[in-house]
Amino acid sequence: MKLVVNTGPIIALAKIGKLALLKELAPEVFIPPTVYRELLAKFGAESEQLEQALTDFIRVQMGNRG
């Protein structure tokens, strides 16, 4: 299954310590480049979880052109 997620759910799950739920739904979670930039700019207690998820299972997906 391919899962594409925007910023809101990722940050909300990180804030409650449940970001791993996304990984349980799909081995790889895809985000657009804009969401990636928004996540990099996030500061707070959840930022460490976000960084880990970005290296572990969240992948930046470039849009298909053509």
N, C-alpha and C. Protein backbone atom coordinates (compact mmCIF):
# COMPACT_ATOMS: atom_id res chain seq x y z
N MET A 1 0.85 -1.17 0.00
CA MET A 1 0.00 0.00 0.00
C MET A 1 0.89 1.23 0.00
N LYS A 2 0.49 2.23 -0.76
CA LYS A 2 1.20 3.49 -0.82
C LYS A 2 0.41 4.51 -0.01
N LEU A 3 1.08 5.17 0.92
CA LEU A 3 0.42 6.13 1.79
C LEU A 3 1.05 7.50 1.58
N VAL A 4 0.23 8.50 1.25
CA VAL A 4 0.69 9.87 1.07
C VAL A 4 0.04 10.71 2.15
N VAL A 5 0.85 11.48 2.88
CA VAL A 5 0.35 12.21 4.04
C VAL A 5 0.80 13.67 3.97
N ASN A 6 -0.03 14.56 4.51
CA ASN A 6 0.38 15.97 4.58
C ASN A 6 0.88 16.30 5.99
N THR A 7 1.22 17.52 6.23
CA THR A 7 1.90 17.94 7.44
C THR A 7 1.08 17.73 8.72
N GLY A 8 -0.18 18.10 8.70
CA GLY A 8 -1.01 18.08 9.90
C GLY A 8 -1.04 16.75 10.63
N PRO A 9 -1.40 15.65 9.96
CA PRO A 9 -1.44 14.36 10.65
C PRO A 9 -0.07 13.91 11.17
N ILE A 10 0.98 14.20 10.44
CA ILE A 10 2.32 13.80 10.88
C ILE A 10 2.68 14.51 12.18
N ILE A 11 2.48 15.81 12.22
CA ILE A 11 2.81 16.58 13.42
C ILE A 11 1.91 16.17 14.58
N ALA A 12 0.62 15.98 14.32
CA ALA A 12 -0.30 15.59 15.39
C ALA A 12 0.10 14.25 16.00
N LEU A 13 0.44 13.28 15.16
CA LEU A 13 0.85 11.98 15.68
C LEU A 13 2.17 12.08 16.45
N ALA A 14 3.08 12.90 15.97
CA ALA A 14 4.36 13.09 16.67
C ALA A 14 4.12 13.72 18.05
N LYS A 15 3.20 14.66 18.14
CA LYS A 15 2.93 15.33 19.41
C LYS A 15 2.39 14.38 20.48
N ILE A 16 1.67 13.35 20.05
CA ILE A 16 1.12 12.40 21.03
C ILE A 16 1.94 11.11 21.10
N GLY A 17 3.09 11.12 20.44
CA GLY A 17 4.00 9.98 20.52
C GLY A 17 3.52 8.75 19.75
N LYS A 18 2.72 8.95 18.72
CA LYS A 18 2.15 7.84 17.97
C LYS A 18 2.52 7.86 16.49
N LEU A 19 3.64 8.44 16.15
CA LEU A 19 4.07 8.53 14.76
C LEU A 19 4.28 7.14 14.15
N ALA A 20 4.60 6.16 14.96
CA ALA A 20 4.82 4.79 14.48
C ALA A 20 3.55 4.18 13.88
N LEU A 21 2.39 4.74 14.19
CA LEU A 21 1.15 4.23 13.60
C LEU A 21 1.18 4.32 12.08
N LEU A 22 1.80 5.38 11.55
CA LEU A 22 1.91 5.51 10.10
C LEU A 22 2.74 4.36 9.52
N LYS A 23 3.82 4.03 10.20
CA LYS A 23 4.68 2.94 9.74
C LYS A 23 3.96 1.60 9.78
N GLU A 24 3.05 1.44 10.72
CA GLU A 24 2.26 0.21 10.79
C GLU A 24 1.29 0.10 9.62
N LEU A 25 0.82 1.24 9.13
CA LEU A 25 -0.11 1.24 7.99
C LEU A 25 0.60 0.92 6.67
N ALA A 26 1.82 1.43 6.53
CA ALA A 26 2.57 1.23 5.29
C ALA A 26 4.06 1.28 5.61
N PRO A 27 4.86 0.43 4.97
CA PRO A 27 6.30 0.43 5.25
C PRO A 27 7.00 1.72 4.85
N GLU A 28 6.44 2.39 3.86
CA GLU A 28 6.97 3.70 3.46
C GLU A 28 5.81 4.68 3.35
N VAL A 29 6.03 5.86 3.88
CA VAL A 29 5.04 6.93 3.81
C VAL A 29 5.64 8.02 2.94
N PHE A 30 4.88 8.49 1.98
CA PHE A 30 5.38 9.49 1.05
C PHE A 30 4.80 10.86 1.35
N ILE A 31 5.65 11.87 1.20
CA ILE A 31 5.23 13.26 1.40
C ILE A 31 5.75 14.10 0.24
N PRO A 32 5.02 15.15 -0.13
CA PRO A 32 5.53 16.06 -1.16
C PRO A 32 6.65 16.94 -0.60
N PRO A 33 7.47 17.52 -1.45
CA PRO A 33 8.57 18.37 -1.00
C PRO A 33 8.14 19.51 -0.08
N THR A 34 6.98 20.08 -0.31
CA THR A 34 6.50 21.18 0.54
C THR A 34 6.29 20.71 1.97
N VAL A 35 5.73 19.53 2.14
CA VAL A 35 5.52 18.97 3.48
C VAL A 35 6.86 18.71 4.14
N TYR A 36 7.82 18.22 3.38
CA TYR A 36 9.16 17.99 3.92
C TYR A 36 9.75 19.28 4.48
N ARG A 37 9.65 20.35 3.72
CA ARG A 37 10.18 21.65 4.20
C ARG A 37 9.46 22.12 5.46
N GLU A 38 8.15 21.91 5.51
CA GLU A 38 7.38 22.29 6.70
C GLU A 38 7.81 21.49 7.92
N LEU A 39 8.07 20.21 7.73
CA LEU A 39 8.50 19.37 8.85
C LEU A 39 9.89 19.74 9.33
N LEU A 40 10.78 20.12 8.41
CA LEU A 40 12.13 20.53 8.81
C LEU A 40 12.11 21.82 9.63
N ALA A 41 11.12 22.65 9.39
CA ALA A 41 11.02 23.92 10.11
C ALA A 41 10.35 23.77 11.47
N LYS A 42 9.85 22.59 11.77
CA LYS A 42 9.13 22.37 13.03
C LYS A 42 10.10 22.27 14.21
N PHE A 43 9.81 23.04 15.24
CA PHE A 43 10.59 22.99 16.47
C PHE A 43 9.67 22.56 17.60
N GLY A 44 10.23 21.93 18.59
CA GLY A 44 9.44 21.50 19.73
C GLY A 44 9.82 20.10 20.13
N ALA A 45 9.10 19.58 21.08
CA ALA A 45 9.40 18.27 21.63
C ALA A 45 9.28 17.17 20.58
N GLU A 46 8.41 17.37 19.59
CA GLU A 46 8.20 16.35 18.58
C GLU A 46 9.23 16.37 17.44
N SER A 47 10.08 17.36 17.40
CA SER A 47 11.02 17.48 16.28
C SER A 47 11.98 16.30 16.19
N GLU A 48 12.38 15.73 17.31
CA GLU A 48 13.27 14.57 17.29
C GLU A 48 12.57 13.36 16.66
N GLN A 49 11.31 13.16 17.01
CA GLN A 49 10.54 12.07 16.41
C GLN A 49 10.38 12.27 14.90
N LEU A 50 10.15 13.51 14.50
CA LEU A 50 10.00 13.82 13.08
C LEU A 50 11.29 13.52 12.32
N GLU A 51 12.42 13.93 12.88
CA GLU A 51 13.71 13.67 12.23
C GLU A 51 13.95 12.17 12.08
N GLN A 52 13.64 11.40 13.11
CA GLN A 52 13.82 9.96 13.04
C GLN A 52 12.93 9.33 11.97
N ALA A 53 11.69 9.75 11.92
CA ALA A 53 10.76 9.21 10.93
C ALA A 53 11.20 9.56 9.51
N LEU A 54 11.76 10.76 9.33
CA LEU A 54 12.22 11.17 8.00
C LEU A 54 13.40 10.33 7.53
N THR A 55 14.18 9.80 8.42
CA THR A 55 15.28 8.93 8.02
C THR A 55 14.86 7.47 7.97
N ASP A 56 13.80 7.14 8.69
CA ASP A 56 13.38 5.74 8.80
C ASP A 56 12.38 5.32 7.73
N PHE A 57 11.22 5.98 7.67
CA PHE A 57 10.17 5.48 6.78
C PHE A 57 9.42 6.54 5.98
N ILE A 58 9.62 7.81 6.27
CA ILE A 58 8.96 8.86 5.50
C ILE A 58 9.87 9.27 4.35
N ARG A 59 9.33 9.22 3.13
CA ARG A 59 10.12 9.52 1.93
C ARG A 59 9.50 10.69 1.18
N VAL A 60 10.36 11.55 0.64
CA VAL A 60 9.90 12.66 -0.18
C VAL A 60 9.62 12.13 -1.58
N GLN A 61 8.42 12.38 -2.06
CA GLN A 61 8.00 11.93 -3.38
C GLN A 61 7.83 13.13 -4.30
N MET A 62 8.64 13.17 -5.32
CA MET A 62 8.51 14.24 -6.31
C MET A 62 7.31 13.93 -7.20
N GLY A 63 6.60 14.97 -7.60
CA GLY A 63 5.41 14.79 -8.46
C GLY A 63 5.80 14.27 -9.83
N ASN A 64 4.89 13.51 -10.42
CA ASN A 64 5.11 13.00 -11.78
C ASN A 64 4.72 14.09 -12.77
N ARG A 65 5.58 14.29 -13.72
CA ARG A 65 5.29 15.29 -14.76
C ARG A 65 5.22 14.56 -16.10
N GLY A 66 4.23 14.91 -16.85
CA GLY A 66 4.17 14.32 -18.17
C GLY A 66 2.86 13.80 -18.43
